Amino acid sequence: MVLGLLFSLEVQSAIPAGYYDSTDGLMKAALKTSLYNKIKGHTELSYAGLWTAFQTTDRRADGKVWDIYSNSTNYTFITNQCGNYGYEGDCYNREHSFPKSWFGGEIAPMYTDLFHLYPSDGKVNGSRSNYPFGNVSNVTYSSNNSYSLLGTSTESGSSMIVFEPADELKGDMARTYFYMVTRYENLVASWTSNANTEMLGGNTYPALSSWAIIPVAAVYIARMAFAPDP
């Protein structure tokens, strides 16, 4: 029911007018499949081309890089791209918020799908690794100002390591995850998440495991409730 509600909210807030008419009256799995048929087949970018795309998609009001995992950086596009890094504030890289290891690595078109790629501080991104998003109950690492957290969680029913983005960005990450399992509905059942996390359900619908759906949907719905009208 939570996922059905989520997809209903997605359709109601979408534009342009008439684009989603074919989804009228659909719910749950049928709605998800209809959305997949609408958005499948996007223009694929090169991996190098992501650096240029970020200059449009992730530019702060001051022209600097909008860092998804750190609030203490002031990176300049291109100039501060990562090679090697050693500390937070060293450089920014291309973060697969939906880890590439979950869908098999450098596989097109997921590998360069801009909807789940964000510029992020290299050091914090490295600490995130490919751990799933979740609410941290016992912190083992935090980025500057405790903006992002790494630690243990029991949301899945047992203790596991999760990464927690900043509160104001959780809605963005939730939207990203629901996009990924919808855009790649034809592939997602075969994907596997990080060992012992069971983030993915191993099916086409709902695609995410039951423990993951509730917190992800909750932050998405909260974001929608307080979002300004389009």
C-alpha atoms as a PDB file:
ATOM      1  CA  MET A   1       0.000   0.000   0.000  1.00  0.00           C
ATOM      2  CA  VAL A   2       2.862   2.391   0.812  1.00  0.00           C
ATOM      3  CA  LEU A   3       4.397   1.924  -2.633  1.00  0.00           C
ATOM      4  CA  GLY A   4       1.019   2.296  -4.304  1.00  0.00           C
ATOM      5  CA  LEU A   5       0.516   5.602  -2.491  1.00  0.00           C
ATOM      6  CA  LEU A   6       3.965   6.749  -3.520  1.00  0.00           C
ATOM      7  CA  PHE A   7       3.333   6.129  -7.197  1.00  0.00           C
ATOM      8  CA  SER A   8      -0.027   7.918  -6.943  1.00  0.00           C
ATOM      9  CA  LEU A   9       1.717  10.989  -5.513  1.00  0.00           C
ATOM     10  CA  GLU A  10       4.304  10.869  -8.287  1.00  0.00           C
ATOM     11  CA  VAL A  11       1.678  10.960 -11.011  1.00  0.00           C
ATOM     12  CA  GLN A  12      -0.393  13.696  -9.387  1.00  0.00           C
ATOM     13  CA  SER A  13       2.582  16.048  -9.172  1.00  0.00           C
ATOM     14  CA  ALA A  14       3.927  15.412 -12.677  1.00  0.00           C
ATOM     15  CA  ILE A  15       3.977  17.762 -15.670  1.00  0.00           C
ATOM     16  CA  PRO A  16       3.548  18.475 -18.564  1.00  0.00           C
ATOM     17  CA  ALA A  17      -0.219  18.260 -18.743  1.00  0.00           C
ATOM     18  CA  GLY A  18      -1.470  15.078 -20.359  1.00  0.00           C
ATOM     19  CA  TYR A  19       1.857  13.269 -20.254  1.00  0.00           C
ATOM     20  CA  TYR A  20       0.639  10.688 -17.746  1.00  0.00           C
ATOM     21  CA  ASP A  21      -2.911  10.266 -19.024  1.00  0.00           C
ATOM     22  CA  SER A  22      -2.236   6.600 -19.784  1.00  0.00           C
ATOM     23  CA  THR A  23      -1.687   5.951 -16.060  1.00  0.00           C
ATOM     24  CA  ASP A  24      -5.151   7.124 -15.002  1.00  0.00           C
ATOM     25  CA  GLY A  25      -6.849   4.649 -12.673  1.00  0.00           C
ATOM     26  CA  LEU A  26      -3.779   2.450 -12.242  1.00  0.00           C
ATOM     27  CA  MET A  27      -2.269   1.486  -8.893  1.00  0.00           C
ATOM     28  CA  LYS A  28       0.649  -0.491  -7.509  1.00  0.00           C
ATOM     29  CA  ALA A  29       2.351  -2.868  -9.963  1.00  0.00           C
ATOM     30  CA  ALA A  30       0.258  -1.793 -12.956  1.00  0.00           C
ATOM     31  CA  LEU A  31       1.048   1.865 -12.312  1.00  0.00           C
ATOM     32  CA  LYS A  32       4.752   1.149 -11.886  1.00  0.00           C
ATOM     33  CA  THR A  33       4.851  -0.729 -15.196  1.00  0.00           C
ATOM     34  CA  SER A  34       2.990   2.065 -16.963  1.00  0.00           C
ATOM     35  CA  LEU A  35       5.522   4.585 -15.637  1.00  0.00           C
ATOM     36  CA  TYR A  36       8.375   2.342 -16.787  1.00  0.00           C
ATOM     37  CA  ASN A  37       6.936   2.299 -20.307  1.00  0.00           C
ATOM     38  CA  LYS A  38       6.790   6.091 -20.224  1.00  0.00           C
ATOM     39  CA  ILE A  39      10.387   6.745 -19.165  1.00  0.00           C
ATOM     40  CA  LYS A  40      12.390   3.859 -20.634  1.00  0.00           C
ATOM     41  CA  GLY A  41      14.896   4.715 -23.320  1.00  0.00           C
ATOM     42  CA  HIS A  42      16.628   7.916 -22.218  1.00  0.00           C
ATOM     43  CA  THR A  43      19.586   9.637 -23.893  1.00  0.00           C
ATOM     44  CA  GLU A  44      22.751   8.019 -22.550  1.00  0.00           C
ATOM     45  CA  LEU A  45      25.689  10.153 -21.418  1.00  0.00           C
ATOM     46  CA  SER A  46      29.331   9.168 -21.402  1.00  0.00           C
ATOM     47  CA  TYR A  47      30.991   8.784 -18.004  1.00  0.00           C
ATOM     48  CA  ALA A  48      33.259  11.745 -18.782  1.00  0.00           C
ATOM     49  CA  GLY A  49      30.232  13.765 -19.859  1.00  0.00           C
ATOM     50  CA  LEU A  50      28.866  13.668 -16.312  1.00  0.00           C
ATOM     51  CA  TRP A  51      31.405  16.293 -15.239  1.00  0.00           C
ATOM     52  CA  THR A  52      29.876  18.727 -17.736  1.00  0.00           C
ATOM     53  CA  ALA A  53      26.291  17.771 -16.900  1.00  0.00           C
ATOM     54  CA  PHE A  54      26.889  18.496 -13.204  1.00  0.00           C
ATOM     55  CA  GLN A  55      27.573  22.130 -14.086  1.00  0.00           C
ATOM     56  CA  THR A  56      23.875  22.434 -14.927  1.00  0.00           C
ATOM     57  CA  THR A  57      22.206  19.910 -12.634  1.00  0.00           C
ATOM     58  CA  ASP A  58      24.164  20.518  -9.426  1.00  0.00           C
ATOM     59  CA  ARG A  59      25.182  24.176  -9.417  1.00  0.00           C
ATOM     60  CA  ARG A  60      24.621  26.161  -6.241  1.00  0.00           C
ATOM     61  CA  ALA A  61      23.296  29.714  -6.343  1.00  0.00           C
ATOM     62  CA  ASP A  62      26.875  30.958  -5.870  1.00  0.00           C
ATOM     63  CA  GLY A  63      28.107  28.937  -8.845  1.00  0.00           C
ATOM     64  CA  LYS A  64      29.933  26.348  -6.743  1.00  0.00           C
ATOM     65  CA  VAL A  65      29.352  22.581  -6.713  1.00  0.00           C
ATOM     66  CA  TRP A  66      26.301  21.350  -4.796  1.00  0.00           C
ATOM     67  CA  ASP A  67      27.883  18.574  -2.739  1.00  0.00           C
ATOM     68  CA  ILE A  68      25.404  15.803  -1.893  1.00  0.00           C
ATOM     69  CA  TYR A  69      27.320  14.455   1.138  1.00  0.00           C
ATOM     70  CA  SER A  70      29.188  17.436   2.632  1.00  0.00           C
ATOM     71  CA  ASN A  71      28.120  20.950   3.642  1.00  0.00           C
ATOM     72  CA  SER A  72      31.614  22.261   4.276  1.00  0.00           C
ATOM     73  CA  THR A  73      32.972  22.251   0.701  1.00  0.00           C
ATOM     74  CA  ASN A  74      33.167  25.069  -1.846  1.00  0.00           C
ATOM     75  CA  TYR A  75      34.314  23.267  -4.942  1.00  0.00           C
ATOM     76  CA  THR A  76      34.773  24.904  -8.318  1.00  0.00           C
ATOM     77  CA  PHE A  77      33.545  22.879 -11.288  1.00  0.00           C
ATOM     78  CA  ILE A  78      36.265  21.056 -13.229  1.00  0.00           C
ATOM     79  CA  THR A  79      39.104  22.578 -11.164  1.00  0.00           C
ATOM     80  CA  ASN A  80      38.350  20.439  -8.096  1.00  0.00           C
ATOM     81  CA  GLN A  81      37.492  17.135  -9.797  1.00  0.00           C
ATOM     82  CA  CYS A  82      38.897  14.153  -7.946  1.00  0.00           C
ATOM     83  CA  GLY A  83      41.974  12.261  -8.839  1.00  0.00           C
ATOM     84  CA  ASN A  84      43.263  11.132  -5.473  1.00  0.00           C
ATOM     85  CA  TYR A  85      41.859  12.399  -2.177  1.00  0.00           C
ATOM     86  CA  GLY A  86      42.918  12.228   1.436  1.00  0.00           C
ATOM     87  CA  TYR A  87      40.505  14.358   3.444  1.00  0.00           C
ATOM     88  CA  GLU A  88      37.080  15.977   3.329  1.00  0.00           C
ATOM     89  CA  GLY A  89      37.347  19.127   1.265  1.00  0.00           C
ATOM     90  CA  ASP A  90      40.016  17.718  -1.049  1.00  0.00           C
ATOM     91  CA  CYS A  91      37.970  17.177  -4.254  1.00  0.00           C
ATOM     92  CA  TYR A  92      34.596  16.040  -5.598  1.00  0.00           C
ATOM     93  CA  ASN A  93      33.737  12.949  -7.620  1.00  0.00           C
ATOM     94  CA  ARG A  94      30.827  11.219  -9.367  1.00  0.00           C
ATOM     95  CA  GLU A  95      28.757   9.380  -6.786  1.00  0.00           C
ATOM     96  CA  HIS A  96      26.457   6.526  -7.756  1.00  0.00           C
ATOM     97  CA  SER A  97      23.899   7.061  -5.001  1.00  0.00           C
ATOM     98  CA  PHE A  98      22.430   3.726  -6.126  1.00  0.00           C
ATOM     99  CA  PRO A  99      25.722   1.775  -5.940  1.00  0.00           C
ATOM    100  CA  LYS A 100      26.963   0.440  -9.258  1.00  0.00           C
ATOM    101  CA  SER A 101      27.896  -2.879  -7.640  1.00  0.00           C
ATOM    102  CA  TRP A 102      24.166  -3.518  -7.118  1.00  0.00           C
ATOM    103  CA  PHE A 103      23.512  -3.602 -10.858  1.00  0.00           C
ATOM    104  CA  GLY A 104      26.775  -5.229 -11.892  1.00  0.00           C
ATOM    105  CA  GLY A 105      29.268  -2.390 -12.326  1.00  0.00           C
ATOM    106  CA  GLU A 106      30.032  -0.335 -15.427  1.00  0.00           C
ATOM    107  CA  ILE A 107      26.942  -1.456 -17.326  1.00  0.00           C
ATOM    108  CA  ALA A 108      25.018   0.835 -19.660  1.00  0.00           C
ATOM    109  CA  PRO A 109      22.828   2.743 -19.310  1.00  0.00           C
ATOM    110  CA  MET A 110      22.648   2.559 -15.495  1.00  0.00           C
ATOM    111  CA  TYR A 111      26.310   3.431 -15.024  1.00  0.00           C
ATOM    112  CA  THR A 112      25.895   6.961 -16.412  1.00  0.00           C
ATOM    113  CA  ASP A 113      22.219   7.584 -15.649  1.00  0.00           C
ATOM    114  CA  LEU A 114      22.364  11.152 -14.357  1.00  0.00           C
ATOM    115  CA  PHE A 115      19.254  10.707 -12.235  1.00  0.00           C
ATOM    116  CA  HIS A 116      21.197   8.752  -9.609  1.00  0.00           C
ATOM    117  CA  LEU A 117      24.621  10.366 -10.014  1.00  0.00           C
ATOM    118  CA  TYR A 118      25.606  13.353  -7.885  1.00  0.00           C
ATOM    119  CA  PRO A 119      28.808  15.293  -7.219  1.00  0.00           C
ATOM    120  CA  SER A 120      30.067  14.423  -3.763  1.00  0.00           C
ATOM    121  CA  ASP A 121      33.141  14.920  -1.631  1.00  0.00           C
ATOM    122  CA  GLY A 122      35.602  12.138  -2.435  1.00  0.00           C
ATOM    123  CA  LYS A 123      36.457  11.315   1.168  1.00  0.00           C
ATOM    124  CA  VAL A 124      32.834  11.139   2.365  1.00  0.00           C
ATOM    125  CA  ASN A 125      31.828   9.196  -0.728  1.00  0.00           C
ATOM    126  CA  GLY A 126      34.604   6.699  -0.026  1.00  0.00           C
ATOM    127  CA  SER A 127      33.330   6.253   3.521  1.00  0.00           C
ATOM    128  CA  ARG A 128      29.805   5.675   2.221  1.00  0.00           C
ATOM    129  CA  SER A 129      31.166   2.882  -0.032  1.00  0.00           C
ATOM    130  CA  ASN A 130      28.196   0.815  -1.261  1.00  0.00           C
ATOM    131  CA  TYR A 131      26.317   0.680   2.028  1.00  0.00           C
ATOM    132  CA  PRO A 132      22.545   1.172   1.792  1.00  0.00           C
ATOM    133  CA  PHE A 133      20.830   4.331   2.974  1.00  0.00           C
ATOM    134  CA  GLY A 134      19.185   4.077   6.366  1.00  0.00           C
ATOM    135  CA  ASN A 135      18.775   5.742   9.744  1.00  0.00           C
ATOM    136  CA  VAL A 136      21.933   5.372  11.819  1.00  0.00           C
ATOM    137  CA  SER A 137      21.432   4.407  15.450  1.00  0.00           C
ATOM    138  CA  ASN A 138      25.104   4.017  16.413  1.00  0.00           C
ATOM    139  CA  VAL A 139      27.451   6.451  14.618  1.00  0.00           C
ATOM    140  CA  THR A 140      30.923   5.218  13.655  1.00  0.00           C
ATOM    141  CA  TYR A 141      31.782   8.032  11.201  1.00  0.00           C
ATOM    142  CA  SER A 142      30.402  11.488  10.476  1.00  0.00           C
ATOM    143  CA  SER A 143      31.294  14.080   7.876  1.00  0.00           C
ATOM    144  CA  ASN A 144      31.984  17.665   8.920  1.00  0.00           C
ATOM    145  CA  ASN A 145      29.180  19.186  11.003  1.00  0.00           C
ATOM    146  CA  SER A 146      27.643  15.665  11.238  1.00  0.00           C
ATOM    147  CA  TYR A 147      26.037  16.328   7.860  1.00  0.00           C
ATOM    148  CA  SER A 148      26.269  12.672   6.750  1.00  0.00           C
ATOM    149  CA  LEU A 149      26.549   9.680   9.057  1.00  0.00           C
ATOM    150  CA  LEU A 150      27.782   6.107   8.840  1.00  0.00           C
ATOM    151  CA  GLY A 151      27.008   3.476  11.447  1.00  0.00           C
ATOM    152  CA  THR A 152      24.797   0.598  12.436  1.00  0.00           C
ATOM    153  CA  SER A 153      21.041   0.254  12.102  1.00  0.00           C
ATOM    154  CA  THR A 154      18.485  -2.387  13.050  1.00  0.00           C
ATOM    155  CA  GLU A 155      15.782  -1.290  10.578  1.00  0.00           C
ATOM    156  CA  SER A 156      16.039  -4.546   8.636  1.00  0.00           C
ATOM    157  CA  GLY A 157      15.524  -6.601  11.791  1.00  0.00           C
ATOM    158  CA  SER A 158      19.205  -7.262  12.393  1.00  0.00           C
ATOM    159  CA  SER A 159      22.263  -5.073  12.848  1.00  0.00           C
ATOM    160  CA  MET A 160      23.840  -3.789   9.645  1.00  0.00           C
ATOM    161  CA  ILE A 161      25.932  -0.854   8.442  1.00  0.00           C
ATOM    162  CA  VAL A 162      24.048   1.994   6.729  1.00  0.00           C
ATOM    163  CA  PHE A 163      24.782   5.498   5.473  1.00  0.00           C
ATOM    164  CA  GLU A 164      22.478   8.354   6.451  1.00  0.00           C
ATOM    165  CA  PRO A 165      22.376  11.489   4.237  1.00  0.00           C
ATOM    166  CA  ALA A 166      21.409  14.866   5.655  1.00  0.00           C
ATOM    167  CA  ASP A 167      17.712  15.267   6.517  1.00  0.00           C
ATOM    168  CA  GLU A 168      17.117  17.897   3.837  1.00  0.00           C
ATOM    169  CA  LEU A 169      18.368  15.521   1.131  1.00  0.00           C
ATOM    170  CA  LYS A 170      16.647  12.308   2.161  1.00  0.00           C
ATOM    171  CA  GLY A 171      13.670  13.083  -0.058  1.00  0.00           C
ATOM    172  CA  ASP A 172      15.991  13.478  -3.052  1.00  0.00           C
ATOM    173  CA  MET A 173      17.595  10.115  -2.349  1.00  0.00           C
ATOM    174  CA  ALA A 174      14.221   8.421  -1.897  1.00  0.00           C
ATOM    175  CA  ARG A 175      13.023   9.845  -5.211  1.00  0.00           C
ATOM    176  CA  THR A 176      16.218   8.565  -6.841  1.00  0.00           C
ATOM    177  CA  TYR A 177      15.698   5.022  -5.546  1.00  0.00           C
ATOM    178  CA  PHE A 178      12.097   4.860  -6.684  1.00  0.00           C
ATOM    179  CA  TYR A 179      13.206   6.132 -10.081  1.00  0.00           C
ATOM    180  CA  MET A 180      15.860   3.420 -10.400  1.00  0.00           C
ATOM    181  CA  VAL A 181      13.542   0.519  -9.612  1.00  0.00           C
ATOM    182  CA  THR A 182      10.956   1.948 -12.023  1.00  0.00           C
ATOM    183  CA  ARG A 183      13.191   2.987 -14.938  1.00  0.00           C
ATOM    184  CA  TYR A 184      14.919  -0.423 -14.858  1.00  0.00           C
ATOM    185  CA  GLU A 185      11.883  -2.539 -14.081  1.00  0.00           C
ATOM    186  CA  ASN A 186      12.952  -4.952 -16.818  1.00  0.00           C
ATOM    187  CA  LEU A 187      16.273  -5.615 -15.042  1.00  0.00           C
ATOM    188  CA  VAL A 188      15.841  -4.930 -11.336  1.00  0.00           C
ATOM    189  CA  ALA A 189      14.709  -8.435 -10.340  1.00  0.00           C
ATOM    190  CA  SER A 190      18.181  -9.739 -11.183  1.00  0.00           C
ATOM    191  CA  TRP A 191      20.103  -7.072  -9.253  1.00  0.00           C
ATOM    192  CA  THR A 192      21.671  -7.775  -5.875  1.00  0.00           C
ATOM    193  CA  SER A 193      22.462  -5.268  -3.141  1.00  0.00           C
ATOM    194  CA  ASN A 194      25.417  -5.262  -0.780  1.00  0.00           C
ATOM    195  CA  ALA A 195      25.937  -8.512   1.138  1.00  0.00           C
ATOM    196  CA  ASN A 196      23.630  -8.912   4.141  1.00  0.00           C
ATOM    197  CA  THR A 197      21.664  -5.716   3.510  1.00  0.00           C
ATOM    198  CA  GLU A 198      18.776  -7.110   1.448  1.00  0.00           C
ATOM    199  CA  MET A 199      17.987  -3.618   0.158  1.00  0.00           C
ATOM    200  CA  LEU A 200      16.551  -5.026  -3.054  1.00  0.00           C
ATOM    201  CA  GLY A 201      13.650  -7.443  -3.091  1.00  0.00           C
ATOM    202  CA  GLY A 202      14.736  -9.632  -6.018  1.00  0.00           C
ATOM    203  CA  ASN A 203      11.483  -8.994  -7.872  1.00  0.00           C
ATOM    204  CA  THR A 204       9.899  -6.560 -10.331  1.00  0.00           C
ATOM    205  CA  TYR A 205       7.389  -5.195  -7.830  1.00  0.00           C
ATOM    206  CA  PRO A 206       7.865  -3.713  -5.357  1.00  0.00           C
ATOM    207  CA  ALA A 207      11.606  -4.223  -6.174  1.00  0.00           C
ATOM    208  CA  LEU A 208      12.794  -2.875  -2.805  1.00  0.00           C
ATOM    209  CA  SER A 209      12.691  -5.119   0.241  1.00  0.00           C
ATOM    210  CA  SER A 210       9.956  -4.574   2.799  1.00  0.00           C
ATOM    211  CA  TRP A 211      12.283  -3.008   5.401  1.00  0.00           C
ATOM    212  CA  ALA A 212      13.574  -0.508   2.832  1.00  0.00           C
ATOM    213  CA  ILE A 213      10.206   0.581   1.425  1.00  0.00           C
ATOM    214  CA  ILE A 214       8.826   2.050   4.648  1.00  0.00           C
ATOM    215  CA  PRO A 215      11.613   4.560   5.497  1.00  0.00           C
ATOM    216  CA  VAL A 216      12.261   5.429   1.844  1.00  0.00           C
ATOM    217  CA  ALA A 217       8.571   6.028   1.130  1.00  0.00           C
ATOM    218  CA  ALA A 218       8.116   7.947   4.387  1.00  0.00           C
ATOM    219  CA  VAL A 219      10.790  10.534   3.604  1.00  0.00           C
ATOM    220  CA  TYR A 220       9.545  10.856   0.024  1.00  0.00           C
ATOM    221  CA  ILE A 221       5.959  11.461   1.120  1.00  0.00           C
ATOM    222  CA  ALA A 222       7.133  13.981   3.726  1.00  0.00           C
ATOM    223  CA  ARG A 223       9.102  15.807   1.031  1.00  0.00           C
ATOM    224  CA  MET A 224       6.051  15.890  -1.257  1.00  0.00           C
ATOM    225  CA  ALA A 225       3.834  17.188   1.563  1.00  0.00           C
ATOM    226  CA  PHE A 226       6.034  20.233   2.130  1.00  0.00           C
ATOM    227  CA  ALA A 227       7.171  20.830  -1.457  1.00  0.00           C
ATOM    228  CA  PRO A 228       6.046  24.046  -3.164  1.00  0.00           C
ATOM    229  CA  ASP A 229       3.501  23.786  -5.962  1.00  0.00           C
ATOM    230  CA  PRO A 230       5.158  23.128  -9.365  1.00  0.00           C
END
